[in-house]
Amino acid sequence: MRRLARWITLTAAVSFLLPVATVSVASAQYREFTGKVDKINDEKMIIDNRMGDKVTFERLDETKVDDTTGDDDKKEKWRDLKQDDWVTVKWKMMDKPRKAYEVIVLPEKEEAGEDM
């Protein structure tokens, strides 16, 4: 009888703690935010996704910048980024304030409603 009670208690504890442990692991995954650089300085940048959202990201010492545009004018560092660049920023949901772990420079997109 004691073994059964211990087994039930252990099973209950594991079933309670397992979801709590997996939530902390899941929250460490990267999120992505894509948009146009609205403002940028040495420490942070504001990204506008053109759907009414503007999000601020802080630069880290280890922030990686990756240029996927294929242009001759490669952007490899934070200081190379400029206003109106299209980027995707990778960040973690648990960060308060948001920190940019990776910035991916995208080819320039056409604005909706522009005539050519």
PDB file of N, CA and C in Angstrom:
ATOM      1  N   MET A   1       0.808  -1.187   0.000  1.00  0.00           N
ATOM      2  CA  MET A   1       0.000   0.000   0.000  1.00  0.00           C
ATOM      3  C   MET A   1       0.865   1.270   0.000  1.00  0.00           C
ATOM      4  N   ARG A   2       1.947   1.232   0.782  1.00  0.00           N
ATOM      5  CA  ARG A   2       2.839   2.371   0.829  1.00  0.00           C
ATOM      6  C   ARG A   2       3.519   2.607  -0.508  1.00  0.00           C
ATOM      7  N   ARG A   3       3.903   1.544  -1.179  1.00  0.00           N
ATOM      8  CA  ARG A   3       4.524   1.672  -2.486  1.00  0.00           C
ATOM      9  C   ARG A   3       3.578   2.320  -3.479  1.00  0.00           C
ATOM     10  N   LEU A   4       2.334   1.939  -3.425  1.00  0.00           N
ATOM     11  CA  LEU A   4       1.324   2.503  -4.325  1.00  0.00           C
ATOM     12  C   LEU A   4       1.145   3.997  -4.050  1.00  0.00           C
ATOM     13  N   ALA A   5       1.109   4.376  -2.782  1.00  0.00           N
ATOM     14  CA  ALA A   5       0.949   5.790  -2.417  1.00  0.00           C
ATOM     15  C   ALA A   5       2.156   6.602  -2.886  1.00  0.00           C
ATOM     16  N   ARG A   6       3.369   6.043  -2.718  1.00  0.00           N
ATOM     17  CA  ARG A   6       4.565   6.729  -3.183  1.00  0.00           C
ATOM     18  C   ARG A   6       4.577   6.877  -4.701  1.00  0.00           C
ATOM     19  N   TRP A   7       4.190   5.821  -5.388  1.00  0.00           N
ATOM     20  CA  TRP A   7       4.155   5.849  -6.840  1.00  0.00           C
ATOM     21  C   TRP A   7       3.149   6.886  -7.344  1.00  0.00           C
ATOM     22  N   ILE A   8       1.983   6.955  -6.715  1.00  0.00           N
ATOM     23  CA  ILE A   8       0.965   7.939  -7.094  1.00  0.00           C
ATOM     24  C   ILE A   8       1.474   9.354  -6.822  1.00  0.00           C
ATOM     25  N   THR A   9       2.116   9.566  -5.693  1.00  0.00           N
ATOM     26  CA  THR A   9       2.659  10.876  -5.349  1.00  0.00           C
ATOM     27  C   THR A   9       3.753  11.287  -6.342  1.00  0.00           C
ATOM     28  N   LEU A  10       4.631  10.358  -6.675  1.00  0.00           N
ATOM     29  CA  LEU A  10       5.704  10.639  -7.625  1.00  0.00           C
ATOM     30  C   LEU A  10       5.136  10.948  -9.011  1.00  0.00           C
ATOM     31  N   THR A  11       4.168  10.173  -9.433  1.00  0.00           N
ATOM     32  CA  THR A  11       3.542  10.405 -10.740  1.00  0.00           C
ATOM     33  C   THR A  11       2.846  11.761 -10.776  1.00  0.00           C
ATOM     34  N   ALA A  12       2.180  12.127  -9.717  1.00  0.00           N
ATOM     35  CA  ALA A  12       1.497  13.425  -9.647  1.00  0.00           C
ATOM     36  C   ALA A  12       2.512  14.566  -9.683  1.00  0.00           C
ATOM     37  N   ALA A  13       3.624  14.417  -8.969  1.00  0.00           N
ATOM     38  CA  ALA A  13       4.644  15.466  -8.944  1.00  0.00           C
ATOM     39  C   ALA A  13       5.272  15.645 -10.329  1.00  0.00           C
ATOM     40  N   VAL A  14       5.580  14.538 -10.992  1.00  0.00           N
ATOM     41  CA  VAL A  14       6.179  14.613 -12.323  1.00  0.00           C
ATOM     42  C   VAL A  14       5.193  15.226 -13.310  1.00  0.00           C
ATOM     43  N   SER A  15       3.935  14.823 -13.255  1.00  0.00           N
ATOM     44  CA  SER A  15       2.949  15.362 -14.201  1.00  0.00           C
ATOM     45  C   SER A  15       2.683  16.844 -13.950  1.00  0.00           C
ATOM     46  N   PHE A  16       2.909  17.313 -12.731  1.00  0.00           N
ATOM     47  CA  PHE A  16       2.750  18.737 -12.434  1.00  0.00           C
ATOM     48  C   PHE A  16       3.977  19.538 -12.869  1.00  0.00           C
ATOM     49  N   LEU A  17       5.166  19.015 -12.629  1.00  0.00           N
ATOM     50  CA  LEU A  17       6.395  19.751 -12.905  1.00  0.00           C
ATOM     51  C   LEU A  17       6.828  19.698 -14.364  1.00  0.00           C
ATOM     52  N   LEU A  18       6.469  18.677 -15.098  1.00  0.00           N
ATOM     53  CA  LEU A  18       6.891  18.557 -16.490  1.00  0.00           C
ATOM     54  C   LEU A  18       6.395  19.711 -17.360  1.00  0.00           C
ATOM     55  N   PRO A  19       5.119  20.094 -17.311  1.00  0.00           N
ATOM     56  CA  PRO A  19       4.696  21.246 -18.121  1.00  0.00           C
ATOM     57  C   PRO A  19       5.384  22.550 -17.719  1.00  0.00           C
ATOM     58  N   VAL A  20       5.662  22.721 -16.447  1.00  0.00           N
ATOM     59  CA  VAL A  20       6.349  23.933 -15.982  1.00  0.00           C
ATOM     60  C   VAL A  20       7.766  23.973 -16.551  1.00  0.00           C
ATOM     61  N   ALA A  21       8.451  22.847 -16.592  1.00  0.00           N
ATOM     62  CA  ALA A  21       9.809  22.789 -17.125  1.00  0.00           C
ATOM     63  C   ALA A  21       9.825  23.016 -18.630  1.00  0.00           C
ATOM     64  N   THR A  22       8.873  22.487 -19.356  1.00  0.00           N
ATOM     65  CA  THR A  22       8.857  22.654 -20.811  1.00  0.00           C
ATOM     66  C   THR A  22       8.508  24.071 -21.214  1.00  0.00           C
ATOM     67  N   VAL A  23       7.753  24.794 -20.410  1.00  0.00           N
ATOM     68  CA  VAL A  23       7.429  26.188 -20.726  1.00  0.00           C
ATOM     69  C   VAL A  23       8.685  27.041 -20.704  1.00  0.00           C
ATOM     70  N   SER A  24       9.557  26.829 -19.747  1.00  0.00           N
ATOM     71  CA  SER A  24      10.780  27.626 -19.678  1.00  0.00           C
ATOM     72  C   SER A  24      11.698  27.327 -20.859  1.00  0.00           C
ATOM     73  N   VAL A  25      11.740  26.097 -21.327  1.00  0.00           N
ATOM     74  CA  VAL A  25      12.546  25.750 -22.493  1.00  0.00           C
ATOM     75  C   VAL A  25      11.945  26.378 -23.746  1.00  0.00           C
ATOM     76  N   ALA A  26      10.640  26.330 -23.891  1.00  0.00           N
ATOM     77  CA  ALA A  26       9.982  26.881 -25.077  1.00  0.00           C
ATOM     78  C   ALA A  26      10.130  28.398 -25.149  1.00  0.00           C
ATOM     79  N   SER A  27      10.155  29.063 -24.027  1.00  0.00           N
ATOM     80  CA  SER A  27      10.238  30.517 -24.042  1.00  0.00           C
ATOM     81  C   SER A  27      11.619  31.016 -24.470  1.00  0.00           C
ATOM     82  N   ALA A  28      12.622  30.130 -24.478  1.00  0.00           N
ATOM     83  CA  ALA A  28      13.966  30.531 -24.880  1.00  0.00           C
ATOM     84  C   ALA A  28      14.151  30.506 -26.392  1.00  0.00           C
ATOM     85  N   GLN A  29      13.133  30.082 -27.148  1.00  0.00           N
ATOM     86  CA  GLN A  29      13.248  30.042 -28.595  1.00  0.00           C
ATOM     87  C   GLN A  29      13.171  31.447 -29.168  1.00  0.00           C
ATOM     88  N   TYR A  30      13.776  31.599 -30.341  1.00  0.00           N
ATOM     89  CA  TYR A  30      13.777  32.904 -30.986  1.00  0.00           C
ATOM     90  C   TYR A  30      12.434  33.221 -31.636  1.00  0.00           C
ATOM     91  N   ARG A  31      12.077  34.469 -31.603  1.00  0.00           N
ATOM     92  CA  ARG A  31      10.932  35.019 -32.330  1.00  0.00           C
ATOM     93  C   ARG A  31      11.514  35.902 -33.419  1.00  0.00           C
ATOM     94  N   GLU A  32      10.718  36.185 -34.439  1.00  0.00           N
ATOM     95  CA  GLU A  32      11.183  37.048 -35.520  1.00  0.00           C
ATOM     96  C   GLU A  32      10.209  38.192 -35.727  1.00  0.00           C
ATOM     97  N   PHE A  33      10.759  39.352 -36.030  1.00  0.00           N
ATOM     98  CA  PHE A  33       9.962  40.530 -36.354  1.00  0.00           C
ATOM     99  C   PHE A  33      10.564  41.146 -37.605  1.00  0.00           C
ATOM    100  N   THR A  34       9.747  41.300 -38.644  1.00  0.00           N
ATOM    101  CA  THR A  34      10.222  41.815 -39.924  1.00  0.00           C
ATOM    102  C   THR A  34       9.597  43.171 -40.208  1.00  0.00           C
ATOM    103  N   GLY A  35      10.404  44.089 -40.694  1.00  0.00           N
ATOM    104  CA  GLY A  35       9.892  45.400 -41.052  1.00  0.00           C
ATOM    105  C   GLY A  35      11.003  46.308 -41.544  1.00  0.00           C
ATOM    106  N   LYS A  36      10.651  47.567 -41.643  1.00  0.00           N
ATOM    107  CA  LYS A  36      11.560  48.596 -42.140  1.00  0.00           C
ATOM    108  C   LYS A  36      12.167  49.345 -40.952  1.00  0.00           C
ATOM    109  N   VAL A  37      13.457  49.623 -41.011  1.00  0.00           N
ATOM    110  CA  VAL A  37      14.118  50.356 -39.926  1.00  0.00           C
ATOM    111  C   VAL A  37      13.575  51.785 -39.930  1.00  0.00           C
ATOM    112  N   ASP A  38      12.920  52.150 -38.826  1.00  0.00           N
ATOM    113  CA  ASP A  38      12.345  53.485 -38.689  1.00  0.00           C
ATOM    114  C   ASP A  38      13.380  54.461 -38.127  1.00  0.00           C
ATOM    115  N   LYS A  39      14.065  54.031 -37.059  1.00  0.00           N
ATOM    116  CA  LYS A  39      15.131  54.832 -36.444  1.00  0.00           C
ATOM    117  C   LYS A  39      16.197  53.870 -35.950  1.00  0.00           C
ATOM    118  N   ILE A  40      17.451  54.325 -35.983  1.00  0.00           N
ATOM    119  CA  ILE A  40      18.542  53.484 -35.494  1.00  0.00           C
ATOM    120  C   ILE A  40      19.648  54.378 -34.942  1.00  0.00           C
ATOM    121  N   ASN A  41      20.268  53.920 -33.847  1.00  0.00           N
ATOM    122  CA  ASN A  41      21.467  54.565 -33.317  1.00  0.00           C
ATOM    123  C   ASN A  41      22.416  53.472 -32.845  1.00  0.00           C
ATOM    124  N   ASP A  42      23.455  53.818 -32.110  1.00  0.00           N
ATOM    125  CA  ASP A  42      24.459  52.832 -31.696  1.00  0.00           C
ATOM    126  C   ASP A  42      23.927  51.791 -30.719  1.00  0.00           C
ATOM    127  N   GLU A  43      22.840  52.085 -30.020  1.00  0.00           N
ATOM    128  CA  GLU A  43      22.364  51.193 -28.977  1.00  0.00           C
ATOM    129  C   GLU A  43      21.051  50.496 -29.272  1.00  0.00           C
ATOM    130  N   LYS A  44      20.177  51.105 -30.085  1.00  0.00           N
ATOM    131  CA  LYS A  44      18.892  50.461 -30.358  1.00  0.00           C
ATOM    132  C   LYS A  44      18.324  50.905 -31.693  1.00  0.00           C
ATOM    133  N   MET A  45      17.326  50.138 -32.148  1.00  0.00           N
ATOM    134  CA  MET A  45      16.638  50.489 -33.382  1.00  0.00           C
ATOM    135  C   MET A  45      15.150  50.219 -33.235  1.00  0.00           C
ATOM    136  N   ILE A  46      14.366  50.982 -34.003  1.00  0.00           N
ATOM    137  CA  ILE A  46      12.917  50.828 -34.015  1.00  0.00           C
ATOM    138  C   ILE A  46      12.535  50.296 -35.390  1.00  0.00           C
ATOM    139  N   ILE A  47      11.795  49.191 -35.401  1.00  0.00           N
ATOM    140  CA  ILE A  47      11.367  48.553 -36.636  1.00  0.00           C
ATOM    141  C   ILE A  47       9.867  48.762 -36.795  1.00  0.00           C
ATOM    142  N   ASP A  48       9.444  49.177 -37.988  1.00  0.00           N
ATOM    143  CA  ASP A  48       8.038  49.403 -38.319  1.00  0.00           C
ATOM    144  C   ASP A  48       7.625  48.328 -39.315  1.00  0.00           C
ATOM    145  N   ASN A  49       6.631  47.498 -38.947  1.00  0.00           N
ATOM    146  CA  ASN A  49       6.225  46.422 -39.854  1.00  0.00           C
ATOM    147  C   ASN A  49       5.144  46.849 -40.836  1.00  0.00           C
ATOM    148  N   ARG A  50       4.788  48.123 -40.857  1.00  0.00           N
ATOM    149  CA  ARG A  50       3.814  48.701 -41.785  1.00  0.00           C
ATOM    150  C   ARG A  50       2.400  48.172 -41.580  1.00  0.00           C
ATOM    151  N   MET A  51       2.146  47.569 -40.426  1.00  0.00           N
ATOM    152  CA  MET A  51       0.797  47.145 -40.078  1.00  0.00           C
ATOM    153  C   MET A  51       0.385  47.768 -38.747  1.00  0.00           C
ATOM    154  N   GLY A  52       1.044  48.866 -38.398  1.00  0.00           N
ATOM    155  CA  GLY A  52       0.715  49.570 -37.174  1.00  0.00           C
ATOM    156  C   GLY A  52       1.575  49.212 -35.980  1.00  0.00           C
ATOM    157  N   ASP A  53       2.541  48.304 -36.157  1.00  0.00           N
ATOM    158  CA  ASP A  53       3.404  47.892 -35.049  1.00  0.00           C
ATOM    159  C   ASP A  53       4.791  48.490 -35.218  1.00  0.00           C
ATOM    160  N   LYS A  54       5.274  49.133 -34.172  1.00  0.00           N
ATOM    161  CA  LYS A  54       6.654  49.617 -34.113  1.00  0.00           C
ATOM    162  C   LYS A  54       7.276  49.007 -32.874  1.00  0.00           C
ATOM    163  N   VAL A  55       8.388  48.302 -33.056  1.00  0.00           N
ATOM    164  CA  VAL A  55       9.021  47.584 -31.954  1.00  0.00           C
ATOM    165  C   VAL A  55      10.468  48.036 -31.836  1.00  0.00           C
ATOM    166  N   THR A  56      10.913  48.256 -30.600  1.00  0.00           N
ATOM    167  CA  THR A  56      12.278  48.683 -30.311  1.00  0.00           C
ATOM    168  C   THR A  56      13.117  47.482 -29.893  1.00  0.00           C
ATOM    169  N   PHE A  57      14.320  47.397 -30.429  1.00  0.00           N
ATOM    170  CA  PHE A  57      15.267  46.340 -30.083  1.00  0.00           C
ATOM    171  C   PHE A  57      16.578  46.969 -29.655  1.00  0.00           C
ATOM    172  N   GLU A  58      17.189  46.400 -28.619  1.00  0.00           N
ATOM    173  CA  GLU A  58      18.491  46.865 -28.152  1.00  0.00           C
ATOM    174  C   GLU A  58      19.599  46.023 -28.770  1.00  0.00           C
ATOM    175  N   ARG A  59      20.719  46.661 -29.049  1.00  0.00           N
ATOM    176  CA  ARG A  59      21.890  45.964 -29.597  1.00  0.00           C
ATOM    177  C   ARG A  59      22.639  45.277 -28.463  1.00  0.00           C
ATOM    178  N   LEU A  60      23.130  44.088 -28.734  1.00  0.00           N
ATOM    179  CA  LEU A  60      24.014  43.369 -27.822  1.00  0.00           C
ATOM    180  C   LEU A  60      25.416  43.384 -28.409  1.00  0.00           C
ATOM    181  N   ASP A  61      26.422  43.108 -27.588  1.00  0.00           N
ATOM    182  CA  ASP A  61      27.793  43.010 -28.108  1.00  0.00           C
ATOM    183  C   ASP A  61      27.904  41.892 -29.139  1.00  0.00           C
ATOM    184  N   GLU A  62      27.106  40.833 -28.952  1.00  0.00           N
ATOM    185  CA  GLU A  62      27.180  39.682 -29.850  1.00  0.00           C
ATOM    186  C   GLU A  62      26.085  39.680 -30.925  1.00  0.00           C
ATOM    187  N   THR A  63      25.420  40.800 -31.141  1.00  0.00           N
ATOM    188  CA  THR A  63      24.395  40.877 -32.187  1.00  0.00           C
ATOM    189  C   THR A  63      25.033  40.603 -33.542  1.00  0.00           C
ATOM    190  N   LYS A  64      24.469  39.614 -34.255  1.00  0.00           N
ATOM    191  CA  LYS A  64      24.987  39.215 -35.557  1.00  0.00           C
ATOM    192  C   LYS A  64      24.176  39.913 -36.643  1.00  0.00           C
ATOM    193  N   VAL A  65      24.845  40.424 -37.668  1.00  0.00           N
ATOM    194  CA  VAL A  65      24.174  41.052 -38.812  1.00  0.00           C
ATOM    195  C   VAL A  65      24.495  40.220 -40.045  1.00  0.00           C
ATOM    196  N   ASP A  66      23.436  39.792 -40.752  1.00  0.00           N
ATOM    197  CA  ASP A  66      23.577  38.945 -41.937  1.00  0.00           C
ATOM    198  C   ASP A  66      22.862  39.602 -43.103  1.00  0.00           C
ATOM    199  N   ASP A  67      23.592  39.883 -44.177  1.00  0.00           N
ATOM    200  CA  ASP A  67      23.024  40.550 -45.356  1.00  0.00           C
ATOM    201  C   ASP A  67      22.651  39.501 -46.403  1.00  0.00           C
ATOM    202  N   THR A  68      21.360  39.442 -46.757  1.00  0.00           N
ATOM    203  CA  THR A  68      20.889  38.485 -47.763  1.00  0.00           C
ATOM    204  C   THR A  68      20.496  39.179 -49.064  1.00  0.00           C
ATOM    205  N   THR A  69      20.839  40.445 -49.225  1.00  0.00           N
ATOM    206  CA  THR A  69      20.401  41.195 -50.396  1.00  0.00           C
ATOM    207  C   THR A  69      21.203  40.849 -51.643  1.00  0.00           C
ATOM    208  N   GLY A  70      22.438  40.431 -51.497  1.00  0.00           N
ATOM    209  CA  GLY A  70      23.274  40.147 -52.644  1.00  0.00           C
ATOM    210  C   GLY A  70      23.874  41.395 -53.270  1.00  0.00           C
ATOM    211  N   ASP A  71      23.682  42.549 -52.666  1.00  0.00           N
ATOM    212  CA  ASP A  71      24.255  43.799 -53.177  1.00  0.00           C
ATOM    213  C   ASP A  71      25.766  43.841 -52.940  1.00  0.00           C
ATOM    214  N   ASP A  72      26.436  44.695 -53.704  1.00  0.00           N
ATOM    215  CA  ASP A  72      27.868  44.912 -53.488  1.00  0.00           C
ATOM    216  C   ASP A  72      28.111  45.612 -52.157  1.00  0.00           C
ATOM    217  N   ASP A  73      27.134  46.406 -51.734  1.00  0.00           N
ATOM    218  CA  ASP A  73      27.211  47.163 -50.477  1.00  0.00           C
ATOM    219  C   ASP A  73      26.772  46.253 -49.327  1.00  0.00           C
ATOM    220  N   LYS A  74      27.664  45.332 -48.905  1.00  0.00           N
ATOM    221  CA  LYS A  74      27.345  44.370 -47.846  1.00  0.00           C
ATOM    222  C   LYS A  74      27.212  45.058 -46.495  1.00  0.00           C
ATOM    223  N   LYS A  75      26.195  44.661 -45.745  1.00  0.00           N
ATOM    224  CA  LYS A  75      26.001  45.168 -44.390  1.00  0.00           C
ATOM    225  C   LYS A  75      26.314  44.036 -43.428  1.00  0.00           C
ATOM    226  N   GLU A  76      27.431  44.173 -42.724  1.00  0.00           N
ATOM    227  CA  GLU A  76      27.917  43.105 -41.862  1.00  0.00           C
ATOM    228  C   GLU A  76      27.964  43.486 -40.389  1.00  0.00           C
ATOM    229  N   LYS A  77      27.734  44.760 -40.086  1.00  0.00           N
ATOM    230  CA  LYS A  77      27.781  45.230 -38.698  1.00  0.00           C
ATOM    231  C   LYS A  77      26.604  46.146 -38.429  1.00  0.00           C
ATOM    232  N   TRP A  78      26.306  46.321 -37.157  1.00  0.00           N
ATOM    233  CA  TRP A  78      25.193  47.176 -36.729  1.00  0.00           C
ATOM    234  C   TRP A  78      25.321  48.575 -37.323  1.00  0.00           C
ATOM    235  N   ARG A  79      26.538  49.116 -37.317  1.00  0.00           N
ATOM    236  CA  ARG A  79      26.739  50.492 -37.791  1.00  0.00           C
ATOM    237  C   ARG A  79      26.496  50.631 -39.291  1.00  0.00           C
ATOM    238  N   ASP A  80      26.480  49.513 -40.035  1.00  0.00           N
ATOM    239  CA  ASP A  80      26.206  49.549 -41.474  1.00  0.00           C
ATOM    240  C   ASP A  80      24.710  49.692 -41.773  1.00  0.00           C
ATOM    241  N   LEU A  81      23.865  49.372 -40.789  1.00  0.00           N
ATOM    242  CA  LEU A  81      22.413  49.454 -40.995  1.00  0.00           C
ATOM    243  C   LEU A  81      21.980  50.909 -41.055  1.00  0.00           C
ATOM    244  N   LYS A  82      21.002  51.180 -41.901  1.00  0.00           N
ATOM    245  CA  LYS A  82      20.524  52.553 -42.096  1.00  0.00           C
ATOM    246  C   LYS A  82      18.998  52.582 -42.031  1.00  0.00           C
ATOM    247  N   GLN A  83      18.476  53.774 -41.837  1.00  0.00           N
ATOM    248  CA  GLN A  83      17.036  53.982 -41.869  1.00  0.00           C
ATOM    249  C   GLN A  83      16.513  53.536 -43.234  1.00  0.00           C
ATOM    250  N   ASP A  84      15.349  52.941 -43.257  1.00  0.00           N
ATOM    251  CA  ASP A  84      14.659  52.430 -44.452  1.00  0.00           C
ATOM    252  C   ASP A  84      15.187  51.087 -44.953  1.00  0.00           C
ATOM    253  N   ASP A  85      16.158  50.458 -44.268  1.00  0.00           N
ATOM    254  CA  ASP A  85      16.548  49.085 -44.612  1.00  0.00           C
ATOM    255  C   ASP A  85      15.440  48.138 -44.158  1.00  0.00           C
ATOM    256  N   TRP A  86      15.187  47.099 -44.943  1.00  0.00           N
ATOM    257  CA  TRP A  86      14.241  46.055 -44.550  1.00  0.00           C
ATOM    258  C   TRP A  86      15.013  44.964 -43.834  1.00  0.00           C
ATOM    259  N   VAL A  87      14.564  44.585 -42.631  1.00  0.00           N
ATOM    260  CA  VAL A  87      15.279  43.609 -41.822  1.00  0.00           C
ATOM    261  C   VAL A  87      14.303  42.657 -41.122  1.00  0.00           C
ATOM    262  N   THR A  88      14.844  41.509 -40.731  1.00  0.00           N
ATOM    263  CA  THR A  88      14.178  40.600 -39.816  1.00  0.00           C
ATOM    264  C   THR A  88      15.056  40.525 -38.586  1.00  0.00           C
ATOM    265  N   VAL A  89      14.473  40.751 -37.415  1.00  0.00           N
ATOM    266  CA  VAL A  89      15.225  40.727 -36.156  1.00  0.00           C
ATOM    267  C   VAL A  89      14.812  39.488 -35.375  1.00  0.00           C
ATOM    268  N   LYS A  90      15.798  38.714 -34.920  1.00  0.00           N
ATOM    269  CA  LYS A  90      15.530  37.553 -34.068  1.00  0.00           C
ATOM    270  C   LYS A  90      15.727  37.982 -32.619  1.00  0.00           C
ATOM    271  N   TRP A  91      14.731  37.678 -31.780  1.00  0.00           N
ATOM    272  CA  TRP A  91      14.758  38.057 -30.374  1.00  0.00           C
ATOM    273  C   TRP A  91      14.072  36.976 -29.565  1.00  0.00           C
ATOM    274  N   LYS A  92      14.200  37.029 -28.247  1.00  0.00           N
ATOM    275  CA  LYS A  92      13.569  36.051 -27.361  1.00  0.00           C
ATOM    276  C   LYS A  92      12.402  36.698 -26.638  1.00  0.00           C
ATOM    277  N   MET A  93      11.311  35.964 -26.534  1.00  0.00           N
ATOM    278  CA  MET A  93      10.094  36.476 -25.921  1.00  0.00           C
ATOM    279  C   MET A  93      10.321  36.880 -24.459  1.00  0.00           C
ATOM    280  N   MET A  94      11.232  36.202 -23.780  1.00  0.00           N
ATOM    281  CA  MET A  94      11.438  36.473 -22.350  1.00  0.00           C
ATOM    282  C   MET A  94      12.237  37.756 -22.100  1.00  0.00           C
ATOM    283  N   ASP A  95      12.849  38.326 -23.136  1.00  0.00           N
ATOM    284  CA  ASP A  95      13.658  39.540 -22.969  1.00  0.00           C
ATOM    285  C   ASP A  95      12.794  40.755 -22.686  1.00  0.00           C
ATOM    286  N   LYS A  96      13.132  41.467 -21.648  1.00  0.00           N
ATOM    287  CA  LYS A  96      12.497  42.744 -21.324  1.00  0.00           C
ATOM    288  C   LYS A  96      13.613  43.698 -20.962  1.00  0.00           C
ATOM    289  N   PRO A  97      13.984  44.660 -21.736  1.00  0.00           N
ATOM    290  CA  PRO A  97      13.495  45.024 -23.067  1.00  0.00           C
ATOM    291  C   PRO A  97      13.979  44.033 -24.122  1.00  0.00           C
ATOM    292  N   ARG A  98      13.412  44.119 -25.311  1.00  0.00           N
ATOM    293  CA  ARG A  98      13.758  43.197 -26.396  1.00  0.00           C
ATOM    294  C   ARG A  98      15.203  43.418 -26.837  1.00  0.00           C
ATOM    295  N   LYS A  99      15.909  42.307 -27.050  1.00  0.00           N
ATOM    296  CA  LYS A  99      17.309  42.359 -27.479  1.00  0.00           C
ATOM    297  C   LYS A  99      17.428  41.714 -28.855  1.00  0.00           C
ATOM    298  N   ALA A 100      18.175  42.334 -29.734  1.00  0.00           N
ATOM    299  CA  ALA A 100      18.392  41.810 -31.083  1.00  0.00           C
ATOM    300  C   ALA A 100      19.561  40.836 -31.050  1.00  0.00           C
ATOM    301  N   TYR A 101      19.286  39.543 -31.247  1.00  0.00           N
ATOM    302  CA  TYR A 101      20.341  38.543 -31.280  1.00  0.00           C
ATOM    303  C   TYR A 101      20.904  38.402 -32.692  1.00  0.00           C
ATOM    304  N   GLU A 102      20.023  38.562 -33.695  1.00  0.00           N
ATOM    305  CA  GLU A 102      20.456  38.501 -35.078  1.00  0.00           C
ATOM    306  C   GLU A 102      19.593  39.440 -35.909  1.00  0.00           C
ATOM    307  N   VAL A 103      20.238  40.168 -36.811  1.00  0.00           N
ATOM    308  CA  VAL A 103      19.541  41.057 -37.737  1.00  0.00           C
ATOM    309  C   VAL A 103      19.852  40.561 -39.140  1.00  0.00           C
ATOM    310  N   ILE A 104      18.796  40.210 -39.887  1.00  0.00           N
ATOM    311  CA  ILE A 104      18.948  39.728 -41.259  1.00  0.00           C
ATOM    312  C   ILE A 104      18.466  40.831 -42.186  1.00  0.00           C
ATOM    313  N   VAL A 105      19.372  41.344 -43.022  1.00  0.00           N
ATOM    314  CA  VAL A 105      19.031  42.411 -43.964  1.00  0.00           C
ATOM    315  C   VAL A 105      18.378  41.770 -45.185  1.00  0.00           C
ATOM    316  N   LEU A 106      17.195  42.290 -45.553  1.00  0.00           N
ATOM    317  CA  LEU A 106      16.409  41.747 -46.655  1.00  0.00           C
ATOM    318  C   LEU A 106      16.466  42.663 -47.866  1.00  0.00           C
ATOM    319  N   PRO A 107      16.191  42.113 -49.063  1.00  0.00           N
ATOM    320  CA  PRO A 107      16.093  42.988 -50.247  1.00  0.00           C
ATOM    321  C   PRO A 107      14.965  43.992 -50.048  1.00  0.00           C
ATOM    322  N   GLU A 108      15.126  45.175 -50.631  1.00  0.00           N
ATOM    323  CA  GLU A 108      14.129  46.234 -50.480  1.00  0.00           C
ATOM    324  C   GLU A 108      12.797  45.786 -51.065  1.00  0.00           C
ATOM    325  N   LYS A 109      11.719  46.055 -50.327  1.00  0.00           N
ATOM    326  CA  LYS A 109      10.376  45.697 -50.774  1.00  0.00           C
ATOM    327  C   LYS A 109       9.679  46.934 -51.311  1.00  0.00           C
ATOM    328  N   GLU A 110       8.764  46.711 -52.232  1.00  0.00           N
ATOM    329  CA  GLU A 110       7.961  47.819 -52.742  1.00  0.00           C
ATOM    330  C   GLU A 110       6.848  48.102 -51.753  1.00  0.00           C
ATOM    331  N   GLU A 111       6.571  49.362 -51.534  1.00  0.00           N
ATOM    332  CA  GLU A 111       5.469  49.765 -50.665  1.00  0.00           C
ATOM    333  C   GLU A 111       4.138  49.524 -51.368  1.00  0.00           C
ATOM    334  N   ALA A 112       3.144  49.098 -50.633  1.00  0.00           N
ATOM    335  CA  ALA A 112       1.810  48.889 -51.193  1.00  0.00           C
ATOM    336  C   ALA A 112       1.262  50.212 -51.673  1.00  0.00           C
ATOM    337  N   GLY A 113       0.681  50.217 -52.857  1.00  0.00           N
ATOM    338  CA  GLY A 113       0.066  51.436 -53.374  1.00  0.00           C
ATOM    339  C   GLY A 113       0.979  52.269 -54.224  1.00  0.00           C
ATOM    340  N   GLU A 114       2.234  51.907 -54.358  1.00  0.00           N
ATOM    341  CA  GLU A 114       3.151  52.673 -55.201  1.00  0.00           C
ATOM    342  C   GLU A 114       2.935  52.300 -56.661  1.00  0.00           C
ATOM    343  N   ASP A 115       2.892  53.300 -57.524  1.00  0.00           N
ATOM    344  CA  ASP A 115       2.792  53.063 -58.952  1.00  0.00           C
ATOM    345  C   ASP A 115       4.169  53.139 -59.580  1.00  0.00           C
ATOM    346  N   MET A 116       4.377  52.320 -60.562  1.00  0.00           N
ATOM    347  CA  MET A 116       5.681  52.325 -61.231  1.00  0.00           C
ATOM    348  C   MET A 116       5.571  52.924 -62.601  1.00  0.00           C
TER     349      MET A 116
END
